[in-house]
Amino acid sequence: FQMMSPNVRYLAVILSVSAGVIASQ
């Protein structure tokens, strides 16, 4: 997370939450 700029980090968090759900799947 820290390597990304604040603006990109919004997208990173949204995608990581989605990927976390899919990992559970």
PDB file of all heavy atoms in Angstrom:
ATOM      1  N   PHE A   1       0.812  -1.213   0.000  1.00  0.00           N
ATOM      2  CA  PHE A   1       0.000   0.000   0.000  1.00  0.00           C
ATOM      3  C   PHE A   1       0.847   1.265   0.000  1.00  0.00           C
ATOM      4  O   PHE A   1       0.517   2.243  -0.673  1.00  0.00           O
ATOM      5  CB  PHE A   1      -0.947   0.010   1.208  1.00  0.00           C
ATOM      6  CG  PHE A   1      -2.049  -1.008   1.126  1.00  0.00           C
ATOM      7  CD1 PHE A   1      -2.041  -2.128   1.940  1.00  0.00           C
ATOM      8  CD2 PHE A   1      -3.098  -0.860   0.233  1.00  0.00           C
ATOM      9  CE1 PHE A   1      -3.052  -3.072   1.878  1.00  0.00           C
ATOM     10  CE2 PHE A   1      -4.116  -1.798   0.164  1.00  0.00           C
ATOM     11  CZ  PHE A   1      -4.095  -2.907   0.980  1.00  0.00           C
ATOM     12  N   GLN A   2       1.952   1.256   0.746  1.00  0.00           N
ATOM     13  CA  GLN A   2       2.740   2.473   0.904  1.00  0.00           C
ATOM     14  C   GLN A   2       3.439   2.891  -0.382  1.00  0.00           C
ATOM     15  O   GLN A   2       3.745   4.072  -0.560  1.00  0.00           O
ATOM     16  CB  GLN A   2       3.781   2.281   2.018  1.00  0.00           C
ATOM     17  CG  GLN A   2       3.184   2.110   3.400  1.00  0.00           C
ATOM     18  CD  GLN A   2       2.417   3.334   3.875  1.00  0.00           C
ATOM     19  OE1 GLN A   2       2.628   4.437   3.392  1.00  0.00           O
ATOM     20  NE2 GLN A   2       1.507   3.130   4.816  1.00  0.00           N
ATOM     21  N   MET A   3       3.714   1.963  -1.291  1.00  0.00           N
ATOM     22  CA  MET A   3       4.438   2.337  -2.502  1.00  0.00           C
ATOM     23  C   MET A   3       3.576   3.121  -3.488  1.00  0.00           C
ATOM     24  O   MET A   3       4.080   3.677  -4.454  1.00  0.00           O
ATOM     25  CB  MET A   3       5.005   1.082  -3.188  1.00  0.00           C
ATOM     26  CG  MET A   3       3.988   0.211  -3.888  1.00  0.00           C
ATOM     27  SD  MET A   3       4.804  -1.146  -4.780  1.00  0.00           S
ATOM     28  CE  MET A   3       3.393  -1.986  -5.505  1.00  0.00           C
ATOM     29  N   MET A   4       2.272   3.196  -3.245  1.00  0.00           N
ATOM     30  CA  MET A   4       1.374   3.883  -4.162  1.00  0.00           C
ATOM     31  C   MET A   4       1.076   5.297  -3.682  1.00  0.00           C
ATOM     32  O   MET A   4       1.064   5.568  -2.489  1.00  0.00           O
ATOM     33  CB  MET A   4       0.062   3.095  -4.297  1.00  0.00           C
ATOM     34  CG  MET A   4       0.254   1.676  -4.766  1.00  0.00           C
ATOM     35  SD  MET A   4      -1.267   0.732  -4.633  1.00  0.00           S
ATOM     36  CE  MET A   4      -0.616  -0.936  -4.797  1.00  0.00           C
ATOM     37  N   SER A   5       0.812   6.168  -4.626  1.00  0.00           N
ATOM     38  CA  SER A   5       0.420   7.530  -4.284  1.00  0.00           C
ATOM     39  C   SER A   5      -0.972   7.504  -3.671  1.00  0.00           C
ATOM     40  O   SER A   5      -1.741   6.562  -3.890  1.00  0.00           O
ATOM     41  CB  SER A   5       0.426   8.409  -5.533  1.00  0.00           C
ATOM     42  OG  SER A   5      -0.563   7.966  -6.450  1.00  0.00           O
ATOM     43  N   PRO A   6      -1.349   8.521  -2.875  1.00  0.00           N
ATOM     44  CA  PRO A   6      -2.666   8.532  -2.220  1.00  0.00           C
ATOM     45  C   PRO A   6      -3.829   8.338  -3.177  1.00  0.00           C
ATOM     46  O   PRO A   6      -4.794   7.640  -2.854  1.00  0.00           O
ATOM     47  CB  PRO A   6      -2.703   9.910  -1.554  1.00  0.00           C
ATOM     48  CG  PRO A   6      -1.273  10.236  -1.292  1.00  0.00           C
ATOM     49  CD  PRO A   6      -0.516   9.660  -2.452  1.00  0.00           C
ATOM     50  N   ASN A   7      -3.762   8.936  -4.364  1.00  0.00           N
ATOM     51  CA  ASN A   7      -4.867   8.797  -5.321  1.00  0.00           C
ATOM     52  C   ASN A   7      -4.998   7.364  -5.819  1.00  0.00           C
ATOM     53  O   ASN A   7      -6.100   6.832  -5.948  1.00  0.00           O
ATOM     54  CB  ASN A   7      -4.667   9.750  -6.502  1.00  0.00           C
ATOM     55  CG  ASN A   7      -4.819  11.204  -6.110  1.00  0.00           C
ATOM     56  OD1 ASN A   7      -5.537  11.519  -5.167  1.00  0.00           O
ATOM     57  ND2 ASN A   7      -4.135  12.091  -6.816  1.00  0.00           N
ATOM     58  N   VAL A   8      -3.870   6.729  -6.102  1.00  0.00           N
ATOM     59  CA  VAL A   8      -3.888   5.343  -6.574  1.00  0.00           C
ATOM     60  C   VAL A   8      -4.293   4.398  -5.445  1.00  0.00           C
ATOM     61  O   VAL A   8      -4.893   3.343  -5.679  1.00  0.00           O
ATOM     62  CB  VAL A   8      -2.509   4.952  -7.139  1.00  0.00           C
ATOM     63  CG1 VAL A   8      -2.482   3.483  -7.570  1.00  0.00           C
ATOM     64  CG2 VAL A   8      -2.153   5.846  -8.314  1.00  0.00           C
ATOM     65  N   ARG A   9      -3.995   4.786  -4.224  1.00  0.00           N
ATOM     66  CA  ARG A   9      -4.269   3.928  -3.075  1.00  0.00           C
ATOM     67  C   ARG A   9      -5.769   3.679  -2.885  1.00  0.00           C
ATOM     68  O   ARG A   9      -6.173   2.629  -2.398  1.00  0.00           O
ATOM     69  CB  ARG A   9      -3.671   4.544  -1.811  1.00  0.00           C
ATOM     70  CG  ARG A   9      -3.305   3.536  -0.739  1.00  0.00           C
ATOM     71  CD  ARG A   9      -2.557   4.209   0.381  1.00  0.00           C
ATOM     72  NE  ARG A   9      -1.259   4.683  -0.063  1.00  0.00           N
ATOM     73  CZ  ARG A   9      -0.529   5.577   0.596  1.00  0.00           C
ATOM     74  NH1 ARG A   9      -0.986   6.093   1.723  1.00  0.00           N
ATOM     75  NH2 ARG A   9       0.641   5.954   0.131  1.00  0.00           N
ATOM     76  N   TYR A  10      -6.590   4.641  -3.278  1.00  0.00           N
ATOM     77  CA  TYR A  10      -8.042   4.428  -3.218  1.00  0.00           C
ATOM     78  C   TYR A  10      -8.429   3.215  -4.054  1.00  0.00           C
ATOM     79  O   TYR A  10      -9.164   2.328  -3.599  1.00  0.00           O
ATOM     80  CB  TYR A  10      -8.784   5.668  -3.727  1.00  0.00           C
ATOM     81  CG  TYR A  10      -8.887   6.795  -2.735  1.00  0.00           C
ATOM     82  CD1 TYR A  10      -8.025   7.876  -2.805  1.00  0.00           C
ATOM     83  CD2 TYR A  10      -9.850   6.772  -1.724  1.00  0.00           C
ATOM     84  CE1 TYR A  10      -8.119   8.928  -1.888  1.00  0.00           C
ATOM     85  CE2 TYR A  10      -9.948   7.810  -0.806  1.00  0.00           C
ATOM     86  CZ  TYR A  10      -9.080   8.882  -0.893  1.00  0.00           C
ATOM     87  OH  TYR A  10      -9.177   9.911   0.017  1.00  0.00           O
ATOM     88  N   LEU A  11      -7.933   3.182  -5.298  1.00  0.00           N
ATOM     89  CA  LEU A  11      -8.229   2.059  -6.190  1.00  0.00           C
ATOM     90  C   LEU A  11      -7.629   0.772  -5.651  1.00  0.00           C
ATOM     91  O   LEU A  11      -8.256  -0.293  -5.718  1.00  0.00           O
ATOM     92  CB  LEU A  11      -7.676   2.347  -7.589  1.00  0.00           C
ATOM     93  CG  LEU A  11      -7.850   1.241  -8.641  1.00  0.00           C
ATOM     94  CD1 LEU A  11      -9.332   0.945  -8.868  1.00  0.00           C
ATOM     95  CD2 LEU A  11      -7.169   1.639  -9.947  1.00  0.00           C
ATOM     96  N   ALA A  12      -6.425   0.871  -5.079  1.00  0.00           N
ATOM     97  CA  ALA A  12      -5.761  -0.319  -4.538  1.00  0.00           C
ATOM     98  C   ALA A  12      -6.577  -0.958  -3.428  1.00  0.00           C
ATOM     99  O   ALA A  12      -6.715  -2.186  -3.362  1.00  0.00           O
ATOM    100  CB  ALA A  12      -4.370   0.047  -4.027  1.00  0.00           C
ATOM    101  N   VAL A  13      -7.122  -0.144  -2.544  1.00  0.00           N
ATOM    102  CA  VAL A  13      -7.905  -0.671  -1.424  1.00  0.00           C
ATOM    103  C   VAL A  13      -9.200  -1.305  -1.928  1.00  0.00           C
ATOM    104  O   VAL A  13      -9.583  -2.397  -1.487  1.00  0.00           O
ATOM    105  CB  VAL A  13      -8.209   0.442  -0.399  1.00  0.00           C
ATOM    106  CG1 VAL A  13      -9.200  -0.054   0.648  1.00  0.00           C
ATOM    107  CG2 VAL A  13      -6.924   0.897   0.265  1.00  0.00           C
ATOM    108  N   ILE A  14      -9.879  -0.644  -2.865  1.00  0.00           N
ATOM    109  CA  ILE A  14     -11.124  -1.191  -3.414  1.00  0.00           C
ATOM    110  C   ILE A  14     -10.865  -2.542  -4.077  1.00  0.00           C
ATOM    111  O   ILE A  14     -11.581  -3.528  -3.844  1.00  0.00           O
ATOM    112  CB  ILE A  14     -11.751  -0.209  -4.423  1.00  0.00           C
ATOM    113  CG1 ILE A  14     -12.222   1.058  -3.705  1.00  0.00           C
ATOM    114  CG2 ILE A  14     -12.916  -0.859  -5.152  1.00  0.00           C
ATOM    115  CD1 ILE A  14     -12.670   2.158  -4.641  1.00  0.00           C
ATOM    116  N   LEU A  15      -9.817  -2.603  -4.894  1.00  0.00           N
ATOM    117  CA  LEU A  15      -9.495  -3.853  -5.586  1.00  0.00           C
ATOM    118  C   LEU A  15      -9.010  -4.923  -4.616  1.00  0.00           C
ATOM    119  O   LEU A  15      -9.318  -6.112  -4.789  1.00  0.00           O
ATOM    120  CB  LEU A  15      -8.433  -3.595  -6.660  1.00  0.00           C
ATOM    121  CG  LEU A  15      -8.893  -2.829  -7.901  1.00  0.00           C
ATOM    122  CD1 LEU A  15      -7.709  -2.565  -8.825  1.00  0.00           C
ATOM    123  CD2 LEU A  15      -9.978  -3.613  -8.647  1.00  0.00           C
ATOM    124  N   SER A  16      -8.248  -4.527  -3.595  1.00  0.00           N
ATOM    125  CA  SER A  16      -7.733  -5.520  -2.651  1.00  0.00           C
ATOM    126  C   SER A  16      -8.850  -6.128  -1.817  1.00  0.00           C
ATOM    127  O   SER A  16      -8.823  -7.329  -1.502  1.00  0.00           O
ATOM    128  CB  SER A  16      -6.670  -4.899  -1.745  1.00  0.00           C
ATOM    129  OG  SER A  16      -7.222  -3.868  -0.957  1.00  0.00           O
ATOM    130  N   VAL A  17      -9.847  -5.320  -1.452  1.00  0.00           N
ATOM    131  CA  VAL A  17     -11.002  -5.865  -0.739  1.00  0.00           C
ATOM    132  C   VAL A  17     -11.742  -6.864  -1.622  1.00  0.00           C
ATOM    133  O   VAL A  17     -12.112  -7.958  -1.188  1.00  0.00           O
ATOM    134  CB  VAL A  17     -11.955  -4.734  -0.291  1.00  0.00           C
ATOM    135  CG1 VAL A  17     -13.254  -5.324   0.255  1.00  0.00           C
ATOM    136  CG2 VAL A  17     -11.291  -3.875   0.771  1.00  0.00           C
ATOM    137  N   SER A  18     -11.942  -6.497  -2.888  1.00  0.00           N
ATOM    138  CA  SER A  18     -12.610  -7.404  -3.834  1.00  0.00           C
ATOM    139  C   SER A  18     -11.806  -8.683  -4.017  1.00  0.00           C
ATOM    140  O   SER A  18     -12.362  -9.784  -4.015  1.00  0.00           O
ATOM    141  CB  SER A  18     -12.790  -6.700  -5.184  1.00  0.00           C
ATOM    142  OG  SER A  18     -13.537  -5.515  -5.050  1.00  0.00           O
ATOM    143  N   ALA A  19     -10.482  -8.540  -4.151  1.00  0.00           N
ATOM    144  CA  ALA A  19      -9.627  -9.719  -4.320  1.00  0.00           C
ATOM    145  C   ALA A  19      -9.623 -10.583  -3.069  1.00  0.00           C
ATOM    146  O   ALA A  19      -9.536 -11.818  -3.147  1.00  0.00           O
ATOM    147  CB  ALA A  19      -8.202  -9.279  -4.664  1.00  0.00           C
ATOM    148  N   GLY A  20      -9.721  -9.946  -1.894  1.00  0.00           N
ATOM    149  CA  GLY A  20      -9.792 -10.715  -0.661  1.00  0.00           C
ATOM    150  C   GLY A  20     -11.044 -11.557  -0.587  1.00  0.00           C
ATOM    151  O   GLY A  20     -11.015 -12.709  -0.133  1.00  0.00           O
ATOM    152  N   VAL A  21     -12.149 -11.008  -1.042  1.00  0.00           N
ATOM    153  CA  VAL A  21     -13.400 -11.775  -1.094  1.00  0.00           C
ATOM    154  C   VAL A  21     -13.263 -12.943  -2.059  1.00  0.00           C
ATOM    155  O   VAL A  21     -13.703 -14.068  -1.787  1.00  0.00           O
ATOM    156  CB  VAL A  21     -14.567 -10.856  -1.519  1.00  0.00           C
ATOM    157  CG1 VAL A  21     -15.821 -11.663  -1.791  1.00  0.00           C
ATOM    158  CG2 VAL A  21     -14.829  -9.812  -0.443  1.00  0.00           C
ATOM    159  N   ILE A  22     -12.627 -12.690  -3.193  1.00  0.00           N
ATOM    160  CA  ILE A  22     -12.463 -13.734  -4.206  1.00  0.00           C
ATOM    161  C   ILE A  22     -11.482 -14.804  -3.727  1.00  0.00           C
ATOM    162  O   ILE A  22     -11.617 -15.988  -4.060  1.00  0.00           O
ATOM    163  CB  ILE A  22     -12.016 -13.107  -5.531  1.00  0.00           C
ATOM    164  CG1 ILE A  22     -13.136 -12.190  -6.047  1.00  0.00           C
ATOM    165  CG2 ILE A  22     -11.694 -14.157  -6.578  1.00  0.00           C
ATOM    166  CD1 ILE A  22     -12.736 -11.278  -7.175  1.00  0.00           C
ATOM    167  N   ALA A  23     -10.496 -14.406  -2.931  1.00  0.00           N
ATOM    168  CA  ALA A  23      -9.593 -15.392  -2.337  1.00  0.00           C
ATOM    169  C   ALA A  23     -10.371 -16.349  -1.445  1.00  0.00           C
ATOM    170  O   ALA A  23     -10.126 -17.562  -1.425  1.00  0.00           O
ATOM    171  CB  ALA A  23      -8.512 -14.688  -1.518  1.00  0.00           C
ATOM    172  N   SER A  24     -11.328 -15.807  -0.719  1.00  0.00           N
ATOM    173  CA  SER A  24     -12.181 -16.643   0.120  1.00  0.00           C
ATOM    174  C   SER A  24     -13.017 -17.586  -0.739  1.00  0.00           C
ATOM    175  O   SER A  24     -13.260 -18.741  -0.371  1.00  0.00           O
ATOM    176  CB  SER A  24     -13.098 -15.751   0.960  1.00  0.00           C
ATOM    177  OG  SER A  24     -12.346 -14.803   1.680  1.00  0.00           O
ATOM    178  N   GLN A  25     -13.438 -17.108  -1.897  1.00  0.00           N
ATOM    179  CA  GLN A  25     -14.225 -17.936  -2.801  1.00  0.00           C
ATOM    180  C   GLN A  25     -13.446 -19.156  -3.280  1.00  0.00           C
ATOM    181  O   GLN A  25     -13.980 -20.257  -3.381  1.00  0.00           O
ATOM    182  CB  GLN A  25     -14.666 -17.107  -4.016  1.00  0.00           C
ATOM    183  CG  GLN A  25     -15.503 -17.879  -5.021  1.00  0.00           C
ATOM    184  CD  GLN A  25     -16.796 -18.365  -4.400  1.00  0.00           C
ATOM    185  OE1 GLN A  25     -17.546 -17.594  -3.831  1.00  0.00           O
ATOM    186  NE2 GLN A  25     -17.066 -19.649  -4.518  1.00  0.00           N
TER     187      GLN A  25
END
